C-alpha atoms as a PDB file:
ATOM      1  CA  MET A   1     110.311 112.895  78.267  1.00  0.00           C
ATOM      2  CA  SER A   2     109.240 115.198  75.598  1.00  0.00           C
ATOM      3  CA  ASP A   3     109.932 119.078  76.456  1.00  0.00           C
ATOM      4  CA  MET A   4     106.220 119.121  76.469  1.00  0.00           C
ATOM      5  CA  ILE A   5     105.183 117.200  78.954  1.00  0.00           C
ATOM      6  CA  ARG A   6     105.136 118.713  82.110  1.00  0.00           C
ATOM      7  CA  PRO A   7     103.699 118.919  85.465  1.00  0.00           C
ATOM      8  CA  GLN A   8     101.611 121.290  86.853  1.00  0.00           C
ATOM      9  CA  PRO A   9     103.246 124.472  88.043  1.00  0.00           C
ATOM     10  CA  GLY A  10     103.959 123.908  92.140  1.00  0.00           C
ATOM     11  CA  ILE A  11     104.795 120.586  91.599  1.00  0.00           C
ATOM     12  CA  MET A  12     108.659 120.352  91.237  1.00  0.00           C
ATOM     13  CA  GLU A  13     108.867 122.928  93.855  1.00  0.00           C
ATOM     14  CA  ILE A  14     107.954 120.322  96.295  1.00  0.00           C
ATOM     15  CA  ASP A  15     110.519 118.460  98.301  1.00  0.00           C
ATOM     16  CA  LEU A  16     109.836 114.924  99.218  1.00  0.00           C
ATOM     17  CA  TYR A  17     108.455 114.316 102.376  1.00  0.00           C
ATOM     18  CA  GLN A  18     110.547 112.325 104.303  1.00  0.00           C
ATOM     19  CA  GLY A  19     109.127 110.366 107.043  1.00  0.00           C
ATOM     20  CA  GLY A  20     111.282 109.193 110.271  1.00  0.00           C
ATOM     21  CA  GLN A  21     113.858 106.759 109.940  1.00  0.00           C
ATOM     22  CA  SER A  22     113.315 103.664 111.215  1.00  0.00           C
ATOM     23  CA  HIS A  23     116.959 101.568 110.981  1.00  0.00           C
ATOM     24  CA  VAL A  24     120.441 102.129 110.994  1.00  0.00           C
ATOM     25  CA  ALA A  25     123.023 100.038 108.805  1.00  0.00           C
ATOM     26  CA  GLY A  26     124.798  97.788 111.287  1.00  0.00           C
ATOM     27  CA  VAL A  27     122.804  98.423 114.378  1.00  0.00           C
ATOM     28  CA  ALA A  28     120.681  95.803 115.982  1.00  0.00           C
ATOM     29  CA  ASN A  29     117.779  96.344 118.350  1.00  0.00           C
ATOM     30  CA  ILE A  30     116.910  99.441 117.630  1.00  0.00           C
ATOM     31  CA  VAL A  31     113.871 101.638 119.283  1.00  0.00           C
ATOM     32  CA  LYS A  32     112.155 104.335 116.930  1.00  0.00           C
ATOM     33  CA  LEU A  33     111.375 107.142 118.291  1.00  0.00           C
ATOM     34  CA  SER A  34     110.916 109.386 115.160  1.00  0.00           C
ATOM     35  CA  SER A  35     106.969 109.055 114.046  1.00  0.00           C
ATOM     36  CA  ASN A  36     105.181 109.372 117.115  1.00  0.00           C
ATOM     37  CA  GLU A  37     104.093 106.612 116.931  1.00  0.00           C
ATOM     38  CA  ASN A  38     101.843 105.038 119.892  1.00  0.00           C
ATOM     39  CA  PRO A  39     104.380 102.820 121.920  1.00  0.00           C
ATOM     40  CA  TYR A  40     101.505 100.136 122.995  1.00  0.00           C
ATOM     41  CA  GLY A  41     100.507  99.922 119.367  1.00  0.00           C
ATOM     42  CA  ALA A  42      96.484  99.273 118.927  1.00  0.00           C
ATOM     43  CA  SER A  43      94.147  98.375 121.291  1.00  0.00           C
ATOM     44  CA  ASP A  44      93.125  94.713 121.967  1.00  0.00           C
ATOM     45  CA  LYS A  45      89.531  95.566 120.422  1.00  0.00           C
ATOM     46  CA  ALA A  46      91.111  97.065 117.364  1.00  0.00           C
ATOM     47  CA  ARG A  47      93.129  94.619 116.557  1.00  0.00           C
ATOM     48  CA  GLU A  48      90.305  91.875 117.011  1.00  0.00           C
ATOM     49  CA  ALA A  49      88.321  93.712 114.826  1.00  0.00           C
ATOM     50  CA  TYR A  50      90.922  94.311 112.034  1.00  0.00           C
ATOM     51  CA  LEU A  51      91.058  90.406 112.154  1.00  0.00           C
ATOM     52  CA  ARG A  52      87.514  89.846 111.863  1.00  0.00           C
ATOM     53  CA  SER A  53      87.541  91.764 108.851  1.00  0.00           C
ATOM     54  CA  VAL A  54      89.542  89.269 107.207  1.00  0.00           C
ATOM     55  CA  HIS A  55      86.315  87.251 106.116  1.00  0.00           C
ATOM     56  CA  SER A  56      85.082  89.937 103.756  1.00  0.00           C
ATOM     57  CA  LEU A  57      88.047  90.684 101.535  1.00  0.00           C
ATOM     58  CA  HIS A  58      86.611  90.076  98.663  1.00  0.00           C
ATOM     59  CA  ARG A  59      83.555  92.738  99.256  1.00  0.00           C
ATOM     60  CA  TYR A  60      83.578  96.273  98.451  1.00  0.00           C
ATOM     61  CA  PRO A  61      84.092  98.380 101.731  1.00  0.00           C
ATOM     62  CA  SER A  62      81.853 101.025 102.195  1.00  0.00           C
ATOM     63  CA  THR A  63      81.344 104.466 100.261  1.00  0.00           C
ATOM     64  CA  ASP A  64      79.648 106.500 103.141  1.00  0.00           C
ATOM     65  CA  HIS A  65      81.700 105.669 106.302  1.00  0.00           C
ATOM     66  CA  ALA A  66      78.603 105.744 107.863  1.00  0.00           C
ATOM     67  CA  SER A  67      79.306 103.249 111.093  1.00  0.00           C
ATOM     68  CA  LEU A  68      82.874 104.511 111.476  1.00  0.00           C
ATOM     69  CA  ARG A  69      81.373 108.241 111.126  1.00  0.00           C
ATOM     70  CA  GLY A  70      78.277 107.465 113.547  1.00  0.00           C
ATOM     71  CA  ALA A  71      81.235 106.012 116.276  1.00  0.00           C
ATOM     72  CA  ILE A  72      83.027 109.178 116.126  1.00  0.00           C
ATOM     73  CA  ALA A  73      80.174 111.381 116.394  1.00  0.00           C
ATOM     74  CA  GLU A  74      78.853 109.354 119.143  1.00  0.00           C
ATOM     75  CA  VAL A  75      81.861 109.335 121.456  1.00  0.00           C
ATOM     76  CA  HIS A  76      83.017 112.813 120.546  1.00  0.00           C
ATOM     77  CA  GLY A  77      79.312 114.705 120.631  1.00  0.00           C
ATOM     78  CA  LEU A  78      79.209 115.284 116.827  1.00  0.00           C
ATOM     79  CA  ASP A  79      77.130 115.229 113.998  1.00  0.00           C
ATOM     80  CA  ALA A  80      77.548 112.217 112.111  1.00  0.00           C
ATOM     81  CA  SER A  81      76.228 114.102 108.906  1.00  0.00           C
ATOM     82  CA  ARG A  82      79.361 116.690 109.066  1.00  0.00           C
ATOM     83  CA  ILE A  83      81.873 114.341 109.120  1.00  0.00           C
ATOM     84  CA  ILE A  84      84.234 112.998 106.559  1.00  0.00           C
ATOM     85  CA  CYS A  85      87.074 110.284 106.560  1.00  0.00           C
ATOM     86  CA  GLY A  86      90.279 109.784 104.529  1.00  0.00           C
ATOM     87  CA  VAL A  87      93.409 107.698 104.568  1.00  0.00           C
ATOM     88  CA  GLY A  88      94.853 109.694 107.677  1.00  0.00           C
ATOM     89  CA  SER A  89      94.251 113.479 108.028  1.00  0.00           C
ATOM     90  CA  ASP A  90      96.576 113.705 105.327  1.00  0.00           C
ATOM     91  CA  GLU A  91      94.528 112.961 102.613  1.00  0.00           C
ATOM     92  CA  ILE A  92      91.727 115.497 104.007  1.00  0.00           C
ATOM     93  CA  ILE A  93      94.587 118.137 103.884  1.00  0.00           C
ATOM     94  CA  THR A  94      94.723 117.176 100.345  1.00  0.00           C
ATOM     95  CA  PHE A  95      91.127 117.364  99.817  1.00  0.00           C
ATOM     96  CA  LEU A  96      91.089 121.032 101.296  1.00  0.00           C
ATOM     97  CA  CYS A  97      93.824 122.444  99.017  1.00  0.00           C
ATOM     98  CA  GLN A  98      92.372 120.867  96.492  1.00  0.00           C
ATOM     99  CA  ALA A  99      88.755 122.298  96.811  1.00  0.00           C
ATOM    100  CA  TYR A 100      89.663 125.768  97.880  1.00  0.00           C
ATOM    101  CA  ALA A 101      92.750 126.913  96.751  1.00  0.00           C
ATOM    102  CA  GLY A 102      94.497 126.783  93.482  1.00  0.00           C
ATOM    103  CA  PRO A 103      96.645 129.177  91.335  1.00  0.00           C
ATOM    104  CA  GLY A 104      96.731 132.874  92.641  1.00  0.00           C
ATOM    105  CA  ASP A 105      95.862 131.597  96.124  1.00  0.00           C
ATOM    106  CA  GLU A 106      97.316 131.919  98.956  1.00  0.00           C
ATOM    107  CA  VAL A 107      97.618 128.971 101.816  1.00  0.00           C
ATOM    108  CA  LEU A 108      99.169 130.094 105.326  1.00  0.00           C
ATOM    109  CA  HIS A 109     100.725 128.559 107.999  1.00  0.00           C
ATOM    110  CA  THR A 110     102.993 128.932 110.929  1.00  0.00           C
ATOM    111  CA  GLU A 111     106.258 128.560 110.527  1.00  0.00           C
ATOM    112  CA  HIS A 112     107.536 125.225 111.978  1.00  0.00           C
ATOM    113  CA  GLY A 113     103.858 123.317 110.852  1.00  0.00           C
ATOM    114  CA  PHE A 114     103.434 120.368 109.906  1.00  0.00           C
ATOM    115  CA  LEU A 115     105.440 119.977 106.290  1.00  0.00           C
ATOM    116  CA  MET A 116     102.340 118.438 104.412  1.00  0.00           C
ATOM    117  CA  TYR A 117     100.620 122.303 104.390  1.00  0.00           C
ATOM    118  CA  ARG A 118     103.351 123.320 102.339  1.00  0.00           C
ATOM    119  CA  ILE A 119     103.233 120.043 100.039  1.00  0.00           C
ATOM    120  CA  SER A 120      99.124 119.909  99.716  1.00  0.00           C
ATOM    121  CA  ALA A 121      99.189 124.113  98.681  1.00  0.00           C
ATOM    122  CA  LEU A 122     101.965 123.370  96.269  1.00  0.00           C
ATOM    123  CA  ALA A 123     100.282 120.504  94.435  1.00  0.00           C
ATOM    124  CA  ALA A 124      97.514 122.577  93.807  1.00  0.00           C
ATOM    125  CA  GLY A 125      99.208 125.152  92.295  1.00  0.00           C
ATOM    126  CA  ALA A 126      98.568 127.669  95.330  1.00  0.00           C
ATOM    127  CA  THR A 127     101.279 129.027  97.045  1.00  0.00           C
ATOM    128  CA  PRO A 128     102.198 128.531 100.399  1.00  0.00           C
ATOM    129  CA  VAL A 129     102.805 131.272 102.854  1.00  0.00           C
ATOM    130  CA  SER A 130     104.731 130.759 106.136  1.00  0.00           C
ATOM    131  CA  VAL A 131     104.270 132.722 109.180  1.00  0.00           C
ATOM    132  CA  PRO A 132     106.814 133.268 111.413  1.00  0.00           C
ATOM    133  CA  GLU A 133     105.993 132.201 115.480  1.00  0.00           C
ATOM    134  CA  ARG A 134     106.645 133.709 118.406  1.00  0.00           C
ATOM    135  CA  GLU A 135     109.400 131.286 120.297  1.00  0.00           C
ATOM    136  CA  ARG A 136     108.290 128.264 118.417  1.00  0.00           C
ATOM    137  CA  THR A 137     104.773 129.137 119.357  1.00  0.00           C
ATOM    138  CA  THR A 138     101.242 130.137 116.841  1.00  0.00           C
ATOM    139  CA  ASP A 139     101.033 134.075 116.830  1.00  0.00           C
ATOM    140  CA  VAL A 140      97.390 134.933 116.050  1.00  0.00           C
ATOM    141  CA  ASP A 141      98.479 138.203 115.338  1.00  0.00           C
ATOM    142  CA  ALA A 142     101.174 137.341 112.756  1.00  0.00           C
ATOM    143  CA  LEU A 143      98.771 135.086 111.288  1.00  0.00           C
ATOM    144  CA  LEU A 144      96.043 137.714 110.895  1.00  0.00           C
ATOM    145  CA  ALA A 145      98.571 140.118 109.704  1.00  0.00           C
ATOM    146  CA  ALA A 146      99.800 137.734 106.812  1.00  0.00           C
ATOM    147  CA  CYS A 147      96.219 137.606 105.471  1.00  0.00           C
ATOM    148  CA  THR A 148      95.435 139.422 102.047  1.00  0.00           C
ATOM    149  CA  GLU A 149      92.509 138.945  99.956  1.00  0.00           C
ATOM    150  CA  ARG A 150      94.285 135.888  98.468  1.00  0.00           C
ATOM    151  CA  THR A 151      94.456 133.597 101.492  1.00  0.00           C
ATOM    152  CA  LYS A 152      91.514 131.004 101.356  1.00  0.00           C
ATOM    153  CA  LEU A 153      93.350 128.425 103.648  1.00  0.00           C
ATOM    154  CA  VAL A 154      94.912 129.024 106.924  1.00  0.00           C
ATOM    155  CA  PHE A 155      96.326 125.713 108.670  1.00  0.00           C
ATOM    156  CA  LEU A 156      97.411 125.413 112.468  1.00  0.00           C
ATOM    157  CA  ALA A 157      98.121 122.298 113.847  1.00  0.00           C
ATOM    158  CA  ASN A 158      97.306 122.541 117.551  1.00  0.00           C
ATOM    159  CA  PRO A 159      98.978 120.979 119.644  1.00  0.00           C
ATOM    160  CA  ASN A 160     101.910 121.567 117.037  1.00  0.00           C
ATOM    161  CA  ASN A 161     104.322 119.363 115.372  1.00  0.00           C
ATOM    162  CA  PRO A 162     107.087 119.607 115.894  1.00  0.00           C
ATOM    163  CA  THR A 163     107.091 121.988 118.958  1.00  0.00           C
ATOM    164  CA  GLY A 164     104.756 120.562 121.118  1.00  0.00           C
ATOM    165  CA  THR A 165     103.262 123.835 121.915  1.00  0.00           C
ATOM    166  CA  MET A 166      99.517 124.646 121.551  1.00  0.00           C
ATOM    167  CA  ILE A 167      97.487 127.793 122.153  1.00  0.00           C
ATOM    168  CA  GLY A 168      93.969 128.588 124.309  1.00  0.00           C
ATOM    169  CA  GLN A 169      90.865 128.236 122.288  1.00  0.00           C
ATOM    170  CA  GLY A 170      90.306 131.945 123.349  1.00  0.00           C
ATOM    171  CA  GLU A 171      93.128 132.997 120.773  1.00  0.00           C
ATOM    172  CA  ILE A 172      91.767 130.349 118.110  1.00  0.00           C
ATOM    173  CA  ALA A 173      88.618 132.166 118.356  1.00  0.00           C
ATOM    174  CA  ARG A 174      90.236 135.355 117.827  1.00  0.00           C
ATOM    175  CA  LEU A 175      91.711 134.175 114.790  1.00  0.00           C
ATOM    176  CA  ALA A 176      88.856 132.559 113.390  1.00  0.00           C
ATOM    177  CA  ALA A 177      86.838 135.730 114.218  1.00  0.00           C
ATOM    178  CA  GLY A 178      89.297 137.727 112.205  1.00  0.00           C
ATOM    179  CA  LEU A 179      89.939 136.344 108.752  1.00  0.00           C
ATOM    180  CA  PRO A 180      88.969 137.582 105.950  1.00  0.00           C
ATOM    181  CA  PRO A 181      85.484 136.046 104.794  1.00  0.00           C
ATOM    182  CA  GLN A 182      86.854 133.802 101.877  1.00  0.00           C
ATOM    183  CA  ALA A 183      89.184 131.987 104.141  1.00  0.00           C
ATOM    184  CA  LEU A 184      88.902 128.903 106.231  1.00  0.00           C
ATOM    185  CA  LEU A 185      90.631 128.040 109.180  1.00  0.00           C
ATOM    186  CA  VAL A 186      92.130 124.485 109.758  1.00  0.00           C
ATOM    187  CA  LEU A 187      92.551 123.178 112.768  1.00  0.00           C
ATOM    188  CA  ASP A 188      94.784 119.981 112.681  1.00  0.00           C
ATOM    189  CA  GLY A 189      94.081 118.142 115.854  1.00  0.00           C
ATOM    190  CA  ALA A 190      96.283 115.376 115.445  1.00  0.00           C
ATOM    191  CA  TYR A 191      97.891 115.200 118.660  1.00  0.00           C
ATOM    192  CA  ALA A 192      94.532 116.519 120.789  1.00  0.00           C
ATOM    193  CA  GLU A 193      93.600 113.213 122.547  1.00  0.00           C
ATOM    194  CA  TYR A 194      96.674 113.998 124.296  1.00  0.00           C
ATOM    195  CA  VAL A 195      95.365 117.015 125.897  1.00  0.00           C
ATOM    196  CA  GLY A 196      92.702 116.293 128.696  1.00  0.00           C
ATOM    197  CA  GLY A 197      89.827 118.167 128.301  1.00  0.00           C
ATOM    198  CA  PHE A 198      90.315 118.883 124.926  1.00  0.00           C
ATOM    199  CA  ASP A 199      87.719 119.020 121.987  1.00  0.00           C
ATOM    200  CA  GLY A 200      90.457 119.996 119.127  1.00  0.00           C
ATOM    201  CA  GLY A 201      88.606 123.046 118.228  1.00  0.00           C
ATOM    202  CA  ALA A 202      85.086 121.126 117.476  1.00  0.00           C
ATOM    203  CA  THR A 203      82.866 123.346 119.501  1.00  0.00           C
ATOM    204  CA  LEU A 204      83.998 126.645 117.213  1.00  0.00           C
ATOM    205  CA  VAL A 205      83.835 124.417 114.418  1.00  0.00           C
ATOM    206  CA  ASP A 206      79.791 124.344 115.340  1.00  0.00           C
ATOM    207  CA  GLN A 207      79.649 127.761 116.478  1.00  0.00           C
ATOM    208  CA  ARG A 208      81.401 129.451 112.828  1.00  0.00           C
ATOM    209  CA  THR A 209      80.944 128.171 109.116  1.00  0.00           C
ATOM    210  CA  ASN A 210      84.659 129.254 108.524  1.00  0.00           C
ATOM    211  CA  VAL A 211      86.624 126.461 110.818  1.00  0.00           C
ATOM    212  CA  PHE A 212      87.182 123.071 110.046  1.00  0.00           C
ATOM    213  CA  MET A 213      88.430 120.401 112.146  1.00  0.00           C
ATOM    214  CA  THR A 214      91.125 117.515 111.274  1.00  0.00           C
ATOM    215  CA  ARG A 215      92.056 114.216 113.455  1.00  0.00           C
ATOM    216  CA  THR A 216      93.834 111.370 112.779  1.00  0.00           C
ATOM    217  CA  PHE A 217      93.575 107.660 113.915  1.00  0.00           C
ATOM    218  CA  SER A 218      97.878 107.406 113.473  1.00  0.00           C
ATOM    219  CA  LYS A 219      98.441 108.999 116.903  1.00  0.00           C
ATOM    220  CA  ILE A 220      97.020 107.839 120.167  1.00  0.00           C
ATOM    221  CA  TYR A 221      94.710 105.136 118.433  1.00  0.00           C
ATOM    222  CA  GLY A 222      98.039 103.285 117.218  1.00  0.00           C
ATOM    223  CA  LEU A 223      96.523 102.756 113.655  1.00  0.00           C
ATOM    224  CA  GLY A 224      99.474 104.687 111.653  1.00  0.00           C
ATOM    225  CA  GLY A 225      99.710 101.556 109.768  1.00  0.00           C
ATOM    226  CA  LEU A 226      96.298 101.537 108.407  1.00  0.00           C
ATOM    227  CA  ARG A 227      95.901 105.382 107.783  1.00  0.00           C
ATOM    228  CA  ILE A 228      92.713 106.779 108.775  1.00  0.00           C
ATOM    229  CA  GLY A 229      91.762 110.270 109.625  1.00  0.00           C
ATOM    230  CA  TRP A 230      88.945 112.436 109.539  1.00  0.00           C
ATOM    231  CA  GLY A 231      87.597 116.280 109.444  1.00  0.00           C
ATOM    232  CA  TYR A 232      84.964 117.884 110.758  1.00  0.00           C
ATOM    233  CA  GLY A 233      83.296 120.818 109.714  1.00  0.00           C
ATOM    234  CA  SER A 234      79.981 122.682 108.154  1.00  0.00           C
ATOM    235  CA  ARG A 235      77.843 120.780 105.572  1.00  0.00           C
ATOM    236  CA  ASP A 236      78.832 122.848 103.240  1.00  0.00           C
ATOM    237  CA  VAL A 237      82.460 122.391 103.069  1.00  0.00           C
ATOM    238  CA  ILE A 238      81.674 118.263 103.955  1.00  0.00           C
ATOM    239  CA  ASP A 239      79.508 118.323 100.568  1.00  0.00           C
ATOM    240  CA  VAL A 240      82.588 120.048  98.679  1.00  0.00           C
ATOM    241  CA  LEU A 241      84.973 117.599  99.782  1.00  0.00           C
ATOM    242  CA  ASN A 242      82.772 113.891  99.427  1.00  0.00           C
ATOM    243  CA  ARG A 243      82.732 115.243  95.735  1.00  0.00           C
ATOM    244  CA  VAL A 244      86.838 115.073  95.512  1.00  0.00           C
ATOM    245  CA  ARG A 245      86.721 112.119  97.468  1.00  0.00           C
ATOM    246  CA  GLY A 246      87.495 108.405  95.819  1.00  0.00           C
ATOM    247  CA  PRO A 247      84.265 106.502  96.622  1.00  0.00           C
ATOM    248  CA  PHE A 248      86.556 103.364  98.232  1.00  0.00           C
ATOM    249  CA  ASN A 249      88.838 105.367  99.880  1.00  0.00           C
ATOM    250  CA  LEU A 250      89.252 103.361 102.961  1.00  0.00           C
ATOM    251  CA  ALA A 251      89.319 100.174 103.143  1.00  0.00           C
ATOM    252  CA  THR A 252      87.317  97.396 105.296  1.00  0.00           C
ATOM    253  CA  ALA A 253      89.631  96.483 107.316  1.00  0.00           C
ATOM    254  CA  ALA A 254      90.821 100.335 108.743  1.00  0.00           C
ATOM    255  CA  LEU A 255      86.783 100.995 108.938  1.00  0.00           C
ATOM    256  CA  GLU A 256      86.346  98.205 111.322  1.00  0.00           C
ATOM    257  CA  ALA A 257      89.491  99.145 113.316  1.00  0.00           C
ATOM    258  CA  ALA A 258      88.874 102.432 114.184  1.00  0.00           C
ATOM    259  CA  GLU A 259      85.185 102.028 114.776  1.00  0.00           C
ATOM    260  CA  ALA A 260      86.625  99.585 117.594  1.00  0.00           C
ATOM    261  CA  ALA A 261      89.683 102.243 118.136  1.00  0.00           C
ATOM    262  CA  VAL A 262      87.501 105.122 118.986  1.00  0.00           C
ATOM    263  CA  ARG A 263      85.225 103.441 121.394  1.00  0.00           C
ATOM    264  CA  ASP A 264      87.739 101.815 123.437  1.00  0.00           C
ATOM    265  CA  ARG A 265      88.018 104.491 125.963  1.00  0.00           C
ATOM    266  CA  ASP A 266      89.565 102.740 128.192  1.00  0.00           C
ATOM    267  CA  PHE A 267      92.567 102.236 126.101  1.00  0.00           C
ATOM    268  CA  VAL A 268      93.016 106.136 124.992  1.00  0.00           C
ATOM    269  CA  ASN A 269      92.753 107.318 128.338  1.00  0.00           C
ATOM    270  CA  LYS A 270      95.591 104.817 129.503  1.00  0.00           C
ATOM    271  CA  CYS A 271      97.829 106.081 127.128  1.00  0.00           C
ATOM    272  CA  ARG A 272      96.993 109.679 127.406  1.00  0.00           C
ATOM    273  CA  SER A 273      97.945 109.267 131.219  1.00  0.00           C
ATOM    274  CA  GLU A 274     101.605 107.196 130.710  1.00  0.00           C
ATOM    275  CA  ASN A 275     102.532 109.560 127.796  1.00  0.00           C
ATOM    276  CA  ALA A 276     101.865 112.687 130.091  1.00  0.00           C
ATOM    277  CA  ARG A 277     103.591 111.189 132.916  1.00  0.00           C
ATOM    278  CA  LEU A 278     106.827 110.085 130.793  1.00  0.00           C
ATOM    279  CA  ARG A 279     106.618 113.165 129.058  1.00  0.00           C
ATOM    280  CA  ALA A 280     107.476 115.256 131.973  1.00  0.00           C
ATOM    281  CA  TRP A 281     109.956 112.938 133.275  1.00  0.00           C
ATOM    282  CA  LEU A 282     111.919 113.191 129.880  1.00  0.00           C
ATOM    283  CA  ALA A 283     112.069 116.996 129.444  1.00  0.00           C
ATOM    284  CA  GLU A 284     113.026 117.425 133.007  1.00  0.00           C
ATOM    285  CA  THR A 285     115.612 114.972 132.644  1.00  0.00           C
ATOM    286  CA  LEU A 286     117.012 116.504 129.408  1.00  0.00           C
ATOM    287  CA  ALA A 287     116.608 119.634 131.046  1.00  0.00           C
ATOM    288  CA  GLU A 288     118.824 118.635 133.878  1.00  0.00           C
ATOM    289  CA  PHE A 289     121.213 117.707 131.198  1.00  0.00           C
ATOM    290  CA  GLY A 290     121.539 121.035 129.806  1.00  0.00           C
ATOM    291  CA  VAL A 291     118.743 119.957 127.236  1.00  0.00           C
ATOM    292  CA  PRO A 292     115.903 122.413 127.561  1.00  0.00           C
ATOM    293  CA  SER A 293     112.267 121.936 125.595  1.00  0.00           C
ATOM    294  CA  ASP A 294     109.107 123.948 125.601  1.00  0.00           C
ATOM    295  CA  THR A 295     106.306 122.304 127.513  1.00  0.00           C
ATOM    296  CA  SER A 296     105.018 120.008 125.219  1.00  0.00           C
ATOM    297  CA  THR A 297     101.233 118.733 124.913  1.00  0.00           C
ATOM    298  CA  ALA A 298     101.580 115.654 122.642  1.00  0.00           C
ATOM    299  CA  ASN A 299     103.387 112.683 122.374  1.00  0.00           C
ATOM    300  CA  PHE A 300     106.894 114.075 121.651  1.00  0.00           C
ATOM    301  CA  ILE A 301     109.497 116.518 123.333  1.00  0.00           C
ATOM    302  CA  LEU A 302     111.681 118.999 120.990  1.00  0.00           C
ATOM    303  CA  ALA A 303     114.834 118.854 122.876  1.00  0.00           C
ATOM    304  CA  ARG A 304     116.971 121.826 121.848  1.00  0.00           C
ATOM    305  CA  PHE A 305     120.806 121.810 121.756  1.00  0.00           C
ATOM    306  CA  ALA A 306     123.399 124.736 121.463  1.00  0.00           C
ATOM    307  CA  ASP A 307     123.349 124.793 117.339  1.00  0.00           C
ATOM    308  CA  ALA A 308     122.917 122.471 114.399  1.00  0.00           C
ATOM    309  CA  ALA A 309     126.385 120.509 114.633  1.00  0.00           C
ATOM    310  CA  GLU A 310     125.388 119.611 118.333  1.00  0.00           C
ATOM    311  CA  ALA A 311     122.020 117.910 117.686  1.00  0.00           C
ATOM    312  CA  GLN A 312     123.340 116.298 114.725  1.00  0.00           C
ATOM    313  CA  ALA A 313     126.849 114.773 116.580  1.00  0.00           C
ATOM    314  CA  CYS A 314     123.965 113.640 119.506  1.00  0.00           C
ATOM    315  CA  ASP A 315     121.693 111.928 116.518  1.00  0.00           C
ATOM    316  CA  GLU A 316     124.642 110.194 115.155  1.00  0.00           C
ATOM    317  CA  PHE A 317     125.550 109.337 118.928  1.00  0.00           C
ATOM    318  CA  LEU A 318     122.132 108.030 119.531  1.00  0.00           C
ATOM    319  CA  LYS A 319     122.201 105.936 116.204  1.00  0.00           C
ATOM    320  CA  GLN A 320     124.772 104.212 117.334  1.00  0.00           C
ATOM    321  CA  GLN A 321     122.838 103.318 120.424  1.00  0.00           C
ATOM    322  CA  GLY A 322     120.450 101.734 118.343  1.00  0.00           C
ATOM    323  CA  LEU A 323     118.032 105.290 119.004  1.00  0.00           C
ATOM    324  CA  ILE A 324     116.457 106.620 116.312  1.00  0.00           C
ATOM    325  CA  VAL A 325     114.769 110.177 116.861  1.00  0.00           C
ATOM    326  CA  ARG A 326     113.865 113.108 114.229  1.00  0.00           C
ATOM    327  CA  GLN A 327     116.386 115.556 113.051  1.00  0.00           C
ATOM    328  CA  VAL A 328     113.906 118.769 112.539  1.00  0.00           C
ATOM    329  CA  GLY A 329     115.868 120.971 110.320  1.00  0.00           C
ATOM    330  CA  ALA A 330     113.318 120.691 107.360  1.00  0.00           C
ATOM    331  CA  TYR A 331     111.163 122.410 109.727  1.00  0.00           C
ATOM    332  CA  GLY A 332     113.622 125.160 110.800  1.00  0.00           C
ATOM    333  CA  LEU A 333     114.569 123.537 113.605  1.00  0.00           C
ATOM    334  CA  PRO A 334     118.238 122.375 112.930  1.00  0.00           C
ATOM    335  CA  HIS A 335     119.658 122.675 116.341  1.00  0.00           C
ATOM    336  CA  CYS A 336     116.578 120.500 117.605  1.00  0.00           C
ATOM    337  CA  LEU A 337     115.693 117.041 118.266  1.00  0.00           C
ATOM    338  CA  ARG A 338     112.132 115.836 118.277  1.00  0.00           C
ATOM    339  CA  ILE A 339     111.721 112.789 120.263  1.00  0.00           C
ATOM    340  CA  THR A 340     108.718 110.545 120.625  1.00  0.00           C
ATOM    341  CA  VAL A 341     107.638 109.554 123.934  1.00  0.00           C
ATOM    342  CA  GLY A 342     107.720 105.917 124.397  1.00  0.00           C
ATOM    343  CA  ASP A 343     106.916 103.439 126.914  1.00  0.00           C
ATOM    344  CA  GLU A 344     108.866 103.261 130.518  1.00  0.00           C
ATOM    345  CA  SER A 345     112.328 101.501 128.683  1.00  0.00           C
ATOM    346  CA  SER A 346     112.695 103.592 125.782  1.00  0.00           C
ATOM    347  CA  THR A 347     111.652 106.555 127.518  1.00  0.00           C
ATOM    348  CA  ARG A 348     114.495 105.938 130.101  1.00  0.00           C
ATOM    349  CA  ARG A 349     117.214 104.595 127.404  1.00  0.00           C
ATOM    350  CA  VAL A 350     116.964 107.697 125.007  1.00  0.00           C
ATOM    351  CA  ALA A 351     117.093 109.873 128.195  1.00  0.00           C
ATOM    352  CA  HIS A 352     120.386 108.092 129.585  1.00  0.00           C
ATOM    353  CA  ALA A 353     122.307 107.876 126.121  1.00  0.00           C
ATOM    354  CA  ILE A 354     121.858 111.912 126.144  1.00  0.00           C
ATOM    355  CA  GLY A 355     123.177 112.328 129.195  1.00  0.00           C
ATOM    356  CA  GLN A 356     126.332 110.364 128.316  1.00  0.00           C
ATOM    357  CA  PHE A 357     126.334 112.373 125.172  1.00  0.00           C
ATOM    358  CA  LYS A 358     126.231 115.683 127.095  1.00  0.00           C
ATOM    359  CA  GLY A 359     128.681 114.037 129.662  1.00  0.00           C
ATOM    360  CA  ALA A 360     130.961 113.537 126.744  1.00  0.00           C
ATOM    361  CA  ARG A 361     131.418 116.795 125.938  1.00  0.00           C
END
């Protein structure tokens, strides 16, 4: 390639995103607990809607996503005209960086925040700024202190991935109120459905024009394979994002499955309840083995080991047992393993294996 053909500044600083591992060479009967997927899959109603969509494969999908936006608005008590849908919440994050950040601008995220914040900022030519957390929990004072006249976006996952920790509504409101006037606070609620009675920040979005919320169908709804997410914000921000959104960014099958999924509240409530029960059991059991974790509000726990060497050794041991969890060195947590809360069988199996590992040392 010619030396004169070069990518935009920032692109080559991006480390390729590594998804959760899904297989181990030579090991059968794998249990994947590395990607925070719903162990119960998608609801029957979502599956049925997906299958029905086969009859319209020759038709282009809706460009305005009106039916899905209406369903989301009805279920969550929101204004449908202020909702945008994307290819996972990842695409909404990309839209935000593309629309509001560029060369010379800064995009803030917490120290152990979702890797896509940094990736999307660099792709837009902006400068990502990592802000220290306090014991793996968002530090609002640190975020406010890190803001400058160049700050355009502040990303906050609540609950956070990969720590599972979250901060309260009062702290989020304080953060929003203290931001410089040119900055937009983005509340990433990918795991919001796992917190009973939590709206992901929607109330604050309705109260302030400098707050935006993202959500996904990839976690509790079990539709990670279809890639559907959505965002909620002021009309002005939604208008801007729709100008960079491709007209046919979501397939008909995805739209129809997501609409059925969001309306199936019984399934969501069941998944939330089972996750909470097994998450508590897993955390307590691992603590008895000498593997602590912070209180998680998501569908995973962040297991802490003595050091990076022990975490890696445990990971290798689990792989040989057919159990795949997630190393999180890329998140600045090399001494930890993120473990998805699976169904009853897989949760008990991974806990037993970690107990064996610790007992053998």
